[in-house]
Amino acid sequence: MTHSLNEIEAMSKRAARGAGLPWGLAEEAAKGTRWLSAFSFPGTEMLAGLLVLNDRLPAVDFSPTTLADHWSAPAGRMSPLIAGAAMSDCATHMEAGQVIEMENVSFPLLVVPFAGGAALRLGVPVSVSWEGARLTTDGQRLCVQGARTAILAPHAPQLSCAAPAEMTGQSEPVMRADVDPDAWEKLAGFAHRTYAPATESSRLLGAGAGLSDND
């Protein structure tokens, strides 16, 4: 099935919030999922997989313990959303020639949209590389190198971000994207957690005139 990018972003934000992410990070997750979907990648599948993996677990366990040298997380696996946001905040380090190295990143493709944001701020393309894959973006276009199986890997033992990088074979974003029904259902399940439970008064209001006795 297909969905508009606006629908994908809205569902992703609500799902990320339902999985326990703070609103700011949920918004970033939604923008990233939309960004990947616009380039015909299964952003919703990536996000759904991550939310299931880290469901209601403390975010600090999947956050970088230090932003110096190699980044790693206490749990032994790093959230690409938290790591990506930190990488974007440290973008000026790449401008100075530093390569940002991360260890054991879950669903590494989810880091790439944050590289897009970093590229727009730096004014130069940023590359994200892991075993068998290298994706480079200037924030508006994307260059993809590697087999699809490597690009969609659920785990990357090593991941690096660098700038400036060379753009070749660029692709342009689209306005609608194919969405895996199972992934959409998982996101909807997380999103449902954010809905307020029905109260007796709300049920009565919803019933309307059906409860009135006009005889």
N, C-alpha and C. Protein backbone atom coordinates (compact mmCIF):
# COMPACT_ATOMS: atom_id res chain seq x y z
N MET A 1 0.84 -1.19 0.00
CA MET A 1 0.00 0.00 0.00
C MET A 1 0.88 1.24 0.00
N THR A 2 0.32 2.35 -0.45
CA THR A 2 1.07 3.59 -0.47
C THR A 2 0.45 4.61 0.48
N HIS A 3 1.31 5.50 0.98
CA HIS A 3 0.85 6.58 1.84
C HIS A 3 1.60 7.85 1.44
N SER A 4 0.97 8.99 1.68
CA SER A 4 1.67 10.25 1.46
C SER A 4 2.75 10.40 2.51
N LEU A 5 3.72 11.23 2.21
CA LEU A 5 4.80 11.47 3.17
C LEU A 5 4.27 12.12 4.44
N ASN A 6 3.24 12.95 4.31
CA ASN A 6 2.63 13.56 5.50
C ASN A 6 2.01 12.50 6.41
N GLU A 7 1.35 11.51 5.81
CA GLU A 7 0.75 10.42 6.59
C GLU A 7 1.83 9.61 7.29
N ILE A 8 2.91 9.34 6.58
CA ILE A 8 4.01 8.57 7.15
C ILE A 8 4.63 9.31 8.33
N GLU A 9 4.84 10.60 8.17
CA GLU A 9 5.44 11.38 9.25
C GLU A 9 4.53 11.43 10.47
N ALA A 10 3.24 11.64 10.25
CA ALA A 10 2.30 11.74 11.37
C ALA A 10 2.22 10.42 12.14
N MET A 11 2.11 9.32 11.43
CA MET A 11 2.03 8.02 12.08
C MET A 11 3.33 7.70 12.82
N SER A 12 4.46 8.02 12.20
CA SER A 12 5.75 7.72 12.81
C SER A 12 5.95 8.51 14.10
N LYS A 13 5.55 9.76 14.10
CA LYS A 13 5.70 10.58 15.31
C LYS A 13 4.85 10.04 16.45
N ARG A 14 3.62 9.70 16.15
CA ARG A 14 2.73 9.17 17.19
C ARG A 14 3.24 7.82 17.69
N ALA A 15 3.75 6.99 16.79
CA ALA A 15 4.27 5.67 17.18
C ALA A 15 5.52 5.81 18.05
N ALA A 16 6.41 6.69 17.66
CA ALA A 16 7.63 6.89 18.45
C ALA A 16 7.30 7.40 19.84
N ARG A 17 6.34 8.27 19.93
CA ARG A 17 5.91 8.76 21.24
C ARG A 17 5.29 7.63 22.05
N GLY A 18 4.49 6.81 21.40
CA GLY A 18 3.86 5.69 22.10
C GLY A 18 4.87 4.68 22.61
N ALA A 19 6.02 4.60 21.94
CA ALA A 19 7.08 3.69 22.37
C ALA A 19 7.92 4.26 23.50
N GLY A 20 7.61 5.50 23.91
CA GLY A 20 8.29 6.09 25.05
C GLY A 20 9.34 7.13 24.72
N LEU A 21 9.52 7.46 23.44
CA LEU A 21 10.49 8.49 23.10
C LEU A 21 9.95 9.86 23.49
N PRO A 22 10.81 10.76 23.97
CA PRO A 22 10.36 12.13 24.24
C PRO A 22 9.91 12.80 22.95
N TRP A 23 9.05 13.82 23.06
CA TRP A 23 8.47 14.44 21.87
C TRP A 23 9.53 14.92 20.89
N GLY A 24 10.60 15.54 21.40
CA GLY A 24 11.62 16.05 20.49
C GLY A 24 12.24 14.96 19.64
N LEU A 25 12.59 13.85 20.27
CA LEU A 25 13.20 12.75 19.54
C LEU A 25 12.16 12.04 18.67
N ALA A 26 10.91 11.99 19.13
CA ALA A 26 9.85 11.41 18.32
C ALA A 26 9.65 12.20 17.03
N GLU A 27 9.74 13.52 17.13
CA GLU A 27 9.61 14.36 15.94
C GLU A 27 10.77 14.12 14.98
N GLU A 28 11.98 13.97 15.53
CA GLU A 28 13.14 13.70 14.68
C GLU A 28 13.01 12.33 14.01
N ALA A 29 12.52 11.35 14.77
CA ALA A 29 12.31 10.01 14.21
C ALA A 29 11.31 10.06 13.05
N ALA A 30 10.25 10.84 13.23
CA ALA A 30 9.23 10.96 12.19
C ALA A 30 9.78 11.64 10.94
N LYS A 31 10.53 12.70 11.13
CA LYS A 31 11.12 13.39 9.98
C LYS A 31 12.09 12.47 9.24
N GLY A 32 12.86 11.70 10.01
CA GLY A 32 13.81 10.78 9.39
C GLY A 32 13.12 9.67 8.62
N THR A 33 12.03 9.14 9.18
CA THR A 33 11.26 8.10 8.49
C THR A 33 10.66 8.64 7.21
N ARG A 34 10.15 9.84 7.26
CA ARG A 34 9.61 10.49 6.06
C ARG A 34 10.71 10.66 5.02
N TRP A 35 11.88 11.12 5.46
CA TRP A 35 13.01 11.38 4.57
C TRP A 35 13.43 10.11 3.84
N LEU A 36 13.57 9.02 4.58
CA LEU A 36 13.95 7.75 3.96
C LEU A 36 12.87 7.25 3.00
N SER A 37 11.61 7.39 3.40
CA SER A 37 10.51 6.95 2.55
C SER A 37 10.49 7.73 1.24
N ALA A 38 10.86 9.00 1.30
CA ALA A 38 10.89 9.83 0.10
C ALA A 38 11.93 9.35 -0.90
N PHE A 39 12.94 8.64 -0.42
CA PHE A 39 13.96 8.09 -1.30
C PHE A 39 13.74 6.59 -1.54
N SER A 40 12.50 6.15 -1.34
CA SER A 40 12.07 4.78 -1.64
C SER A 40 12.72 3.72 -0.76
N PHE A 41 13.15 4.10 0.43
CA PHE A 41 13.62 3.13 1.41
C PHE A 41 12.50 2.82 2.40
N PRO A 42 12.50 1.62 2.98
CA PRO A 42 11.43 1.24 3.92
C PRO A 42 11.63 1.87 5.30
N GLY A 43 11.47 3.17 5.35
CA GLY A 43 11.66 3.89 6.60
C GLY A 43 10.73 3.41 7.70
N THR A 44 9.48 3.10 7.34
CA THR A 44 8.53 2.64 8.35
C THR A 44 8.94 1.29 8.93
N GLU A 45 9.48 0.41 8.09
CA GLU A 45 9.95 -0.89 8.58
C GLU A 45 11.13 -0.72 9.52
N MET A 46 12.05 0.17 9.16
CA MET A 46 13.21 0.42 10.01
C MET A 46 12.77 0.96 11.37
N LEU A 47 11.87 1.94 11.35
CA LEU A 47 11.43 2.54 12.61
C LEU A 47 10.65 1.53 13.45
N ALA A 48 9.76 0.77 12.81
CA ALA A 48 8.98 -0.22 13.55
C ALA A 48 9.90 -1.25 14.20
N GLY A 49 10.92 -1.69 13.48
CA GLY A 49 11.87 -2.65 14.03
C GLY A 49 12.60 -2.09 15.23
N LEU A 50 13.00 -0.83 15.15
CA LEU A 50 13.71 -0.20 16.26
C LEU A 50 12.82 -0.03 17.48
N LEU A 51 11.58 0.41 17.25
CA LEU A 51 10.67 0.62 18.38
C LEU A 51 10.36 -0.69 19.09
N VAL A 52 10.21 -1.77 18.34
CA VAL A 52 9.98 -3.08 18.95
C VAL A 52 11.20 -3.50 19.76
N LEU A 53 12.38 -3.28 19.20
CA LEU A 53 13.63 -3.70 19.85
C LEU A 53 13.85 -3.00 21.19
N ASN A 54 13.57 -1.69 21.22
CA ASN A 54 13.87 -0.89 22.42
C ASN A 54 12.63 -0.47 23.19
N ASP A 55 11.53 -1.16 22.98
CA ASP A 55 10.25 -0.74 23.54
C ASP A 55 10.31 -0.54 25.05
N ARG A 56 10.04 0.70 25.48
CA ARG A 56 9.92 1.10 26.88
C ARG A 56 11.18 0.85 27.70
N LEU A 57 12.31 0.71 27.05
CA LEU A 57 13.58 0.57 27.76
C LEU A 57 14.21 1.94 27.94
N PRO A 58 15.03 2.14 28.97
CA PRO A 58 15.62 3.47 29.22
C PRO A 58 16.49 3.94 28.06
N ALA A 59 16.23 5.13 27.57
CA ALA A 59 16.98 5.66 26.43
C ALA A 59 18.47 5.78 26.72
N VAL A 60 18.81 6.01 27.98
CA VAL A 60 20.22 6.19 28.34
C VAL A 60 21.02 4.93 28.04
N ASP A 61 20.38 3.77 28.06
CA ASP A 61 21.08 2.51 27.79
C ASP A 61 21.55 2.42 26.34
N PHE A 62 20.92 3.19 25.45
CA PHE A 62 21.23 3.12 24.03
C PHE A 62 21.85 4.42 23.51
N SER A 63 22.31 5.25 24.45
CA SER A 63 22.92 6.54 24.11
C SER A 63 24.44 6.44 24.18
N PRO A 64 25.15 7.25 23.40
CA PRO A 64 26.62 7.24 23.48
C PRO A 64 27.09 7.62 24.88
N THR A 65 28.03 6.86 25.41
CA THR A 65 28.57 7.18 26.73
C THR A 65 29.55 8.35 26.65
N THR A 66 30.13 8.56 25.47
CA THR A 66 31.05 9.67 25.25
C THR A 66 30.99 10.06 23.79
N LEU A 67 31.26 11.33 23.51
CA LEU A 67 31.29 11.81 22.13
C LEU A 67 32.72 12.00 21.66
N ALA A 68 33.65 11.34 22.33
CA ALA A 68 35.06 11.36 21.93
C ALA A 68 35.45 9.97 21.46
N ASP A 69 36.40 9.91 20.53
CA ASP A 69 36.88 8.63 20.00
C ASP A 69 35.71 7.81 19.44
N HIS A 70 35.65 6.52 19.78
CA HIS A 70 34.58 5.66 19.29
C HIS A 70 33.36 5.75 20.22
N TRP A 71 32.20 6.02 19.61
CA TRP A 71 30.98 6.09 20.40
C TRP A 71 30.45 4.68 20.66
N SER A 72 30.02 4.43 21.88
CA SER A 72 29.40 3.15 22.21
C SER A 72 28.33 3.40 23.27
N ALA A 73 27.44 2.43 23.44
CA ALA A 73 26.33 2.57 24.38
C ALA A 73 26.42 1.49 25.45
N PRO A 74 25.92 1.78 26.67
CA PRO A 74 25.99 0.81 27.77
C PRO A 74 25.33 -0.53 27.46
N ALA A 75 24.24 -0.52 26.69
CA ALA A 75 23.50 -1.75 26.41
C ALA A 75 24.18 -2.64 25.38
N GLY A 76 25.24 -2.13 24.76
CA GLY A 76 25.91 -2.90 23.72
C GLY A 76 25.30 -2.72 22.36
N ARG A 77 24.28 -1.90 22.27
CA ARG A 77 23.72 -1.51 20.98
C ARG A 77 23.25 -0.07 21.10
N MET A 78 23.44 0.70 20.04
CA MET A 78 23.16 2.13 20.08
C MET A 78 21.93 2.46 19.24
N SER A 79 21.10 3.35 19.77
CA SER A 79 19.94 3.83 19.01
C SER A 79 20.41 4.73 17.88
N PRO A 80 20.00 4.47 16.64
CA PRO A 80 20.40 5.34 15.54
C PRO A 80 19.77 6.73 15.65
N LEU A 81 18.66 6.83 16.35
CA LEU A 81 18.00 8.13 16.52
C LEU A 81 18.80 9.01 17.47
N ILE A 82 19.19 8.44 18.60
CA ILE A 82 19.96 9.21 19.58
C ILE A 82 21.35 9.50 19.04
N ALA A 83 21.98 8.48 18.44
CA ALA A 83 23.31 8.67 17.87
C ALA A 83 23.28 9.65 16.71
N GLY A 84 22.24 9.56 15.87
CA GLY A 84 22.13 10.47 14.74
C GLY A 84 21.95 11.91 15.17
N ALA A 85 21.12 12.12 16.20
CA ALA A 85 20.93 13.48 16.71
C ALA A 85 22.22 14.04 17.28
N ALA A 86 22.98 13.19 17.99
CA ALA A 86 24.26 13.63 18.56
C ALA A 86 25.26 13.93 17.46
N MET A 87 25.28 13.09 16.43
CA MET A 87 26.17 13.33 15.29
C MET A 87 25.86 14.65 14.62
N SER A 88 24.59 14.94 14.44
CA SER A 88 24.19 16.19 13.82
C SER A 88 24.62 17.38 14.66
N ASP A 89 24.52 17.24 15.99
CA ASP A 89 24.96 18.31 16.88
C ASP A 89 26.46 18.51 16.82
N CYS A 90 27.19 17.44 16.51
CA CYS A 90 28.67 17.50 16.45
C CYS A 90 29.17 17.68 15.02
N ALA A 91 28.31 18.14 14.13
CA ALA A 91 28.66 18.22 12.71
C ALA A 91 29.91 19.05 12.45
N THR A 92 30.13 20.08 13.24
CA THR A 92 31.31 20.94 13.01
C THR A 92 32.61 20.17 13.22
N HIS A 93 32.57 19.09 14.01
CA HIS A 93 33.77 18.27 14.18
C HIS A 93 34.17 17.63 12.85
N MET A 94 33.18 17.22 12.07
CA MET A 94 33.47 16.63 10.76
C MET A 94 34.03 17.68 9.81
N GLU A 95 33.51 18.89 9.93
CA GLU A 95 34.00 19.99 9.09
C GLU A 95 35.49 20.22 9.33
N ALA A 96 35.93 19.95 10.56
CA ALA A 96 37.34 20.12 10.91
C ALA A 96 38.18 18.90 10.53
N GLY A 97 37.55 17.90 9.90
CA GLY A 97 38.29 16.74 9.43
C GLY A 97 38.14 15.50 10.28
N GLN A 98 37.37 15.57 11.36
CA GLN A 98 37.21 14.40 12.23
C GLN A 98 36.16 13.45 11.67
N VAL A 99 36.48 12.17 11.67
CA VAL A 99 35.51 11.14 11.30
C VAL A 99 34.83 10.66 12.58
N ILE A 100 33.52 10.70 12.62
CA ILE A 100 32.78 10.24 13.79
C ILE A 100 32.56 8.73 13.66
N GLU A 101 33.07 7.98 14.63
CA GLU A 101 33.00 6.52 14.61
C GLU A 101 32.03 6.03 15.69
N MET A 102 31.16 5.11 15.32
CA MET A 102 30.19 4.54 16.26
C MET A 102 30.29 3.02 16.23
N GLU A 103 29.95 2.40 17.35
CA GLU A 103 29.98 0.94 17.46
C GLU A 103 28.58 0.39 17.72
N ASN A 104 28.28 -0.73 17.06
CA ASN A 104 27.05 -1.49 17.32
C ASN A 104 25.80 -0.63 17.25
N VAL A 105 25.54 -0.13 16.05
CA VAL A 105 24.38 0.73 15.81
C VAL A 105 23.22 -0.10 15.26
N SER A 106 22.07 -0.01 15.88
CA SER A 106 20.88 -0.71 15.40
C SER A 106 20.29 0.04 14.21
N PHE A 107 19.83 -0.71 13.21
CA PHE A 107 19.17 -0.14 12.04
C PHE A 107 19.91 1.11 11.55
N PRO A 108 21.15 0.93 11.07
CA PRO A 108 22.01 2.07 10.73
C PRO A 108 21.44 3.02 9.69
N LEU A 109 20.54 2.53 8.84
CA LEU A 109 19.96 3.41 7.82
C LEU A 109 19.27 4.61 8.45
N LEU A 110 18.77 4.45 9.68
CA LEU A 110 18.07 5.55 10.36
C LEU A 110 19.01 6.68 10.77
N VAL A 111 20.32 6.47 10.67
CA VAL A 111 21.27 7.56 10.94
C VAL A 111 21.33 8.53 9.77
N VAL A 112 21.08 8.03 8.56
CA VAL A 112 21.32 8.82 7.34
C VAL A 112 20.52 10.12 7.28
N PRO A 113 19.23 10.15 7.66
CA PRO A 113 18.53 11.44 7.62
C PRO A 113 19.18 12.52 8.48
N PHE A 114 19.79 12.12 9.59
CA PHE A 114 20.48 13.10 10.43
C PHE A 114 21.72 13.64 9.71
N ALA A 115 22.33 12.81 8.88
CA ALA A 115 23.45 13.29 8.06
C ALA A 115 22.95 14.33 7.07
N GLY A 116 21.71 14.16 6.61
CA GLY A 116 21.13 15.16 5.72
C GLY A 116 21.00 16.51 6.40
N GLY A 117 20.55 16.51 7.65
CA GLY A 117 20.47 17.76 8.40
C GLY A 117 21.83 18.37 8.64
N ALA A 118 22.82 17.52 8.94
CA ALA A 118 24.18 18.01 9.16
C ALA A 118 24.74 18.61 7.87
N ALA A 119 24.45 17.97 6.74
CA ALA A 119 24.95 18.47 5.46
C ALA A 119 24.38 19.85 5.13
N LEU A 120 23.12 20.05 5.43
CA LEU A 120 22.52 21.36 5.18
C LEU A 120 23.16 22.44 6.03
N ARG A 121 23.50 22.11 7.28
CA ARG A 121 24.14 23.09 8.14
C ARG A 121 25.57 23.38 7.72
N LEU A 122 26.28 22.33 7.32
CA LEU A 122 27.69 22.50 6.94
C LEU A 122 27.85 23.07 5.54
N GLY A 123 26.85 22.82 4.69
CA GLY A 123 26.96 23.27 3.31
C GLY A 123 27.79 22.35 2.44
N VAL A 124 28.07 21.13 2.94
CA VAL A 124 28.83 20.13 2.17
C VAL A 124 28.18 18.76 2.39
N PRO A 125 28.33 17.83 1.44
CA PRO A 125 27.75 16.50 1.62
C PRO A 125 28.39 15.75 2.78
N VAL A 126 27.60 14.90 3.41
CA VAL A 126 28.06 14.06 4.52
C VAL A 126 27.81 12.60 4.14
N SER A 127 28.78 11.74 4.42
CA SER A 127 28.63 10.32 4.14
C SER A 127 28.44 9.53 5.43
N VAL A 128 27.65 8.47 5.33
CA VAL A 128 27.48 7.52 6.43
C VAL A 128 27.82 6.14 5.87
N SER A 129 28.77 5.46 6.50
CA SER A 129 29.25 4.18 5.97
C SER A 129 29.22 3.10 7.04
N TRP A 130 28.85 1.91 6.63
CA TRP A 130 28.99 0.72 7.46
C TRP A 130 29.27 -0.45 6.51
N GLU A 131 29.46 -1.62 7.05
CA GLU A 131 29.91 -2.75 6.24
C GLU A 131 29.01 -2.98 5.02
N GLY A 132 29.59 -2.81 3.83
CA GLY A 132 28.87 -3.06 2.59
C GLY A 132 27.99 -1.93 2.12
N ALA A 133 27.99 -0.79 2.80
CA ALA A 133 27.09 0.30 2.43
C ALA A 133 27.75 1.66 2.66
N ARG A 134 27.45 2.58 1.76
CA ARG A 134 27.88 3.96 1.91
C ARG A 134 26.81 4.85 1.30
N LEU A 135 26.26 5.75 2.11
CA LEU A 135 25.23 6.67 1.63
C LEU A 135 25.71 8.09 1.88
N THR A 136 25.61 8.91 0.85
CA THR A 136 26.09 10.29 0.92
C THR A 136 24.96 11.23 0.55
N THR A 137 24.81 12.30 1.31
CA THR A 137 23.71 13.23 1.05
C THR A 137 24.14 14.67 1.26
N ASP A 138 23.53 15.55 0.48
CA ASP A 138 23.71 16.98 0.70
C ASP A 138 22.48 17.56 1.41
N GLY A 139 21.61 16.68 1.86
CA GLY A 139 20.39 17.09 2.55
C GLY A 139 19.17 17.08 1.67
N GLN A 140 19.37 17.19 0.36
CA GLN A 140 18.25 17.22 -0.57
C GLN A 140 18.29 16.07 -1.56
N ARG A 141 19.48 15.56 -1.83
CA ARG A 141 19.66 14.42 -2.73
C ARG A 141 20.45 13.35 -2.00
N LEU A 142 20.45 12.15 -2.59
CA LEU A 142 21.09 11.02 -1.92
C LEU A 142 21.84 10.18 -2.93
N CYS A 143 23.06 9.81 -2.59
CA CYS A 143 23.87 8.90 -3.38
C CYS A 143 23.99 7.59 -2.60
N VAL A 144 23.63 6.48 -3.23
CA VAL A 144 23.60 5.19 -2.55
C VAL A 144 24.60 4.23 -3.18
N GLN A 145 25.44 3.64 -2.36
CA GLN A 145 26.41 2.65 -2.81
C GLN A 145 26.32 1.44 -1.89
N GLY A 146 26.17 0.25 -2.49
CA GLY A 146 26.11 -0.97 -1.69
C GLY A 146 24.88 -1.80 -2.02
N ALA A 147 24.94 -3.07 -1.63
CA ALA A 147 23.81 -3.97 -1.84
C ALA A 147 22.67 -3.62 -0.90
N ARG A 148 21.46 -3.85 -1.36
CA ARG A 148 20.29 -3.48 -0.56
C ARG A 148 20.26 -4.24 0.77
N THR A 149 20.73 -5.49 0.77
CA THR A 149 20.74 -6.25 2.01
C THR A 149 21.65 -5.60 3.05
N ALA A 150 22.77 -5.05 2.61
CA ALA A 150 23.68 -4.37 3.54
C ALA A 150 23.08 -3.05 4.01
N ILE A 151 22.44 -2.34 3.09
CA ILE A 151 21.86 -1.04 3.43
C ILE A 151 20.74 -1.20 4.46
N LEU A 152 19.98 -2.28 4.34
CA LEU A 152 18.83 -2.50 5.24
C LEU A 152 19.20 -3.38 6.44
N ALA A 153 20.47 -3.55 6.71
CA ALA A 153 20.90 -4.40 7.82
C ALA A 153 20.32 -3.92 9.15
N PRO A 154 19.91 -4.84 10.02
CA PRO A 154 19.36 -4.44 11.32
C PRO A 154 20.43 -4.04 12.33
N HIS A 155 21.70 -4.24 11.99
CA HIS A 155 22.77 -3.96 12.94
C HIS A 155 24.06 -3.68 12.18
N ALA A 156 24.82 -2.70 12.65
CA ALA A 156 26.13 -2.39 12.07
C ALA A 156 27.17 -2.41 13.18
N PRO A 157 28.13 -3.34 13.15
CA PRO A 157 29.17 -3.37 14.18
C PRO A 157 29.98 -2.08 14.24
N GLN A 158 30.22 -1.49 13.06
CA GLN A 158 30.96 -0.24 12.98
C GLN A 158 30.25 0.69 12.00
N LEU A 159 30.19 1.98 12.34
CA LEU A 159 29.57 2.98 11.46
C LEU A 159 30.39 4.25 11.56
N SER A 160 30.60 4.90 10.42
CA SER A 160 31.37 6.14 10.42
C SER A 160 30.65 7.22 9.63
N CYS A 161 30.81 8.46 10.08
CA CYS A 161 30.24 9.64 9.42
C CYS A 161 31.37 10.60 9.11
N ALA A 162 31.39 11.13 7.87
CA ALA A 162 32.48 12.00 7.47
C ALA A 162 31.99 13.08 6.51
N ALA A 163 32.72 14.19 6.49
CA ALA A 163 32.44 15.30 5.58
C ALA A 163 33.74 16.07 5.35
N PRO A 164 33.89 16.71 4.18
CA PRO A 164 32.98 16.65 3.03
C PRO A 164 33.12 15.33 2.29
N ALA A 165 32.07 14.94 1.59
CA ALA A 165 32.07 13.69 0.83
C ALA A 165 31.62 13.97 -0.60
N GLU A 166 31.95 13.06 -1.49
CA GLU A 166 31.64 13.25 -2.91
C GLU A 166 30.27 12.66 -3.23
N MET A 167 29.47 13.41 -3.98
CA MET A 167 28.15 12.96 -4.42
C MET A 167 28.25 12.42 -5.84
N THR A 168 27.86 11.16 -6.05
CA THR A 168 27.80 10.57 -7.39
C THR A 168 26.51 9.75 -7.48
N GLY A 169 25.92 9.72 -8.67
CA GLY A 169 24.70 8.94 -8.86
C GLY A 169 23.56 9.38 -7.98
N GLN A 170 23.27 10.66 -7.96
CA GLN A 170 22.28 11.22 -7.04
C GLN A 170 20.86 10.82 -7.41
N SER A 171 20.02 10.63 -6.40
CA SER A 171 18.60 10.38 -6.60
C SER A 171 17.78 11.48 -5.95
N GLU A 172 16.60 11.71 -6.50
CA GLU A 172 15.72 12.77 -6.03
C GLU A 172 14.57 12.17 -5.22
N PRO A 173 14.02 12.92 -4.25
CA PRO A 173 12.91 12.41 -3.44
C PRO A 173 11.59 12.36 -4.22
N VAL A 174 10.65 11.54 -3.72
CA VAL A 174 9.31 11.42 -4.30
C VAL A 174 8.30 11.94 -3.28
N MET A 175 7.02 11.96 -3.67
CA MET A 175 6.00 12.52 -2.80
C MET A 175 5.16 11.46 -2.08
N ARG A 176 5.14 10.23 -2.62
CA ARG A 176 4.42 9.14 -1.96
C ARG A 176 5.36 7.94 -1.87
N ALA A 177 5.07 7.02 -0.97
CA ALA A 177 5.97 5.89 -0.77
C ALA A 177 5.19 4.62 -0.48
N ASP A 178 5.74 3.50 -0.94
CA ASP A 178 5.17 2.20 -0.59
C ASP A 178 5.46 1.91 0.88
N VAL A 179 4.50 1.35 1.55
CA VAL A 179 4.64 1.05 2.98
C VAL A 179 4.26 -0.41 3.22
N ASP A 180 5.11 -1.12 3.95
CA ASP A 180 4.81 -2.50 4.30
C ASP A 180 3.63 -2.55 5.27
N PRO A 181 2.58 -3.31 4.96
CA PRO A 181 1.40 -3.33 5.84
C PRO A 181 1.71 -3.77 7.26
N ASP A 182 2.60 -4.75 7.42
CA ASP A 182 2.93 -5.21 8.77
C ASP A 182 3.62 -4.11 9.58
N ALA A 183 4.54 -3.38 8.92
CA ALA A 183 5.22 -2.28 9.61
C ALA A 183 4.23 -1.20 10.00
N TRP A 184 3.30 -0.91 9.10
CA TRP A 184 2.29 0.12 9.38
C TRP A 184 1.42 -0.29 10.57
N GLU A 185 1.09 -1.58 10.63
CA GLU A 185 0.27 -2.08 11.75
C GLU A 185 1.03 -1.97 13.07
N LYS A 186 2.33 -2.26 13.04
CA LYS A 186 3.14 -2.14 14.26
C LYS A 186 3.20 -0.68 14.73
N LEU A 187 3.40 0.24 13.77
CA LEU A 187 3.44 1.65 14.14
C LEU A 187 2.09 2.09 14.70
N ALA A 188 1.02 1.61 14.09
CA ALA A 188 -0.31 1.97 14.58
C ALA A 188 -0.53 1.47 16.01
N GLY A 189 0.02 0.29 16.31
CA GLY A 189 -0.09 -0.24 17.67
C GLY A 189 0.61 0.64 18.69
N PHE A 190 1.81 1.10 18.34
CA PHE A 190 2.52 2.02 19.23
C PHE A 190 1.76 3.35 19.34
N ALA A 191 1.26 3.84 18.21
CA ALA A 191 0.54 5.11 18.21
C ALA A 191 -0.70 5.04 19.09
N HIS A 192 -1.34 3.87 19.12
CA HIS A 192 -2.57 3.72 19.91
C HIS A 192 -2.34 3.97 21.39
N ARG A 193 -1.12 3.76 21.85
CA ARG A 193 -0.82 4.00 23.26
C ARG A 193 -0.95 5.47 23.65
N THR A 194 -0.87 6.35 22.67
CA THR A 194 -0.93 7.79 22.97
C THR A 194 -2.35 8.30 23.05
N TYR A 195 -3.32 7.49 22.66
CA TYR A 195 -4.71 7.94 22.68
C TYR A 195 -5.27 7.84 24.10
N ALA A 196 -5.98 8.87 24.51
CA ALA A 196 -6.58 8.87 25.85
C ALA A 196 -7.68 7.82 25.92
N PRO A 197 -7.74 7.05 27.01
CA PRO A 197 -8.81 6.05 27.13
C PRO A 197 -10.17 6.72 27.23
N ALA A 198 -11.17 6.05 26.73
CA ALA A 198 -12.53 6.60 26.77
C ALA A 198 -13.04 6.65 28.20
N THR A 199 -13.72 7.74 28.54
CA THR A 199 -14.36 7.87 29.85
C THR A 199 -15.86 7.74 29.66
N GLU A 200 -16.59 7.62 30.77
CA GLU A 200 -18.04 7.49 30.68
C GLU A 200 -18.65 8.71 30.01
N SER A 201 -18.12 9.91 30.36
CA SER A 201 -18.68 11.13 29.77
C SER A 201 -18.40 11.20 28.28
N SER A 202 -17.19 10.77 27.85
CA SER A 202 -16.89 10.83 26.43
C SER A 202 -17.72 9.82 25.65
N ARG A 203 -17.99 8.66 26.27
CA ARG A 203 -18.84 7.68 25.60
C ARG A 203 -20.26 8.20 25.43
N LEU A 204 -20.75 8.90 26.46
CA LEU A 204 -22.10 9.46 26.36
C LEU A 204 -22.17 10.53 25.29
N LEU A 205 -21.12 11.37 25.22
CA LEU A 205 -21.09 12.39 24.18
C LEU A 205 -21.05 11.76 22.80
N GLY A 206 -20.28 10.68 22.68
CA GLY A 206 -20.18 10.00 21.40
C GLY A 206 -21.48 9.34 20.99
N ALA A 207 -22.27 8.93 21.99
CA ALA A 207 -23.53 8.27 21.67
C ALA A 207 -24.56 9.24 21.11
N GLY A 208 -24.48 10.52 21.50
CA GLY A 208 -25.37 11.54 20.95
C GLY A 208 -26.82 11.29 21.27
N ALA A 209 -27.68 11.58 20.30
CA ALA A 209 -29.13 11.53 20.52
C ALA A 209 -29.65 10.11 20.69
N GLY A 210 -28.76 9.12 20.39
CA GLY A 210 -29.22 7.74 20.52
C GLY A 210 -29.62 7.37 21.93
N LEU A 211 -29.16 8.13 22.93
CA LEU A 211 -29.51 7.83 24.32
C LEU A 211 -30.70 8.63 24.82
N SER A 212 -31.19 9.57 24.04
CA SER A 212 -32.29 10.41 24.52
C SER A 212 -33.63 9.70 24.33
N ASP A 213 -34.56 10.00 25.22
CA ASP A 213 -35.89 9.39 25.16
C ASP A 213 -36.87 10.47 24.75
N ASN A 214 -37.34 10.39 23.50
CA ASN A 214 -38.24 11.42 23.00
C ASN A 214 -39.70 10.99 23.06
N ASP A 215 -39.97 9.82 23.67
CA ASP A 215 -41.37 9.36 23.73
C ASP A 215 -42.14 10.07 24.82
